[in-house]
Amino acid sequence: MTTPEEKDEGKSAPSSGDQPEAVPLFGPPFGPAFFMSVLKDRVRQQCDQQPEAVPVVELHLGDGTTLDLCHVPGLGPQWIAAEFYRDRETCNDMDLSFIPFALITRVTVSMWHRSQRSVGFDITRPTDAA
């Protein structure tokens, strides 16, 4: 009787062409780079195309919560400091929440006519990166 080691003796390991290459994962899709460049650039582009409209950015979280984002005052390696409107109708009161990037499942950007909403996402305020 032969052992498994003896059976495999003389066989070489599969070459790299026999196995698919591993794709490195770099973290959640909505990380610091997304909020510092992709989101701001996209909102700025939409505002340039529709100057009569107000940008509205919504963060959709894995627990089913949707936040109406006002501003991003800070970013860490694993989290976002999100200032959001408590009441999307009035946009008077805001709360600040620290959210892990892994909890963000989707980001929606929409443009609303000023008759529907007078304030929205503010890309002019600075974002501090930790």
Foldseek 3Di string as FASTA:
>chain_A
DDDPVVVCPPPDDDDPVVDDDDDDDDDFPDAPVCVVPVVLVVVVVVCVVPVQWAKWKWFQFQVGDIFGFAEFAEHERFWTFTWGQPDQQVSPDIDTDIGGSVGTDDMDIDIHGCVRPVHGHDSPDDHYYD
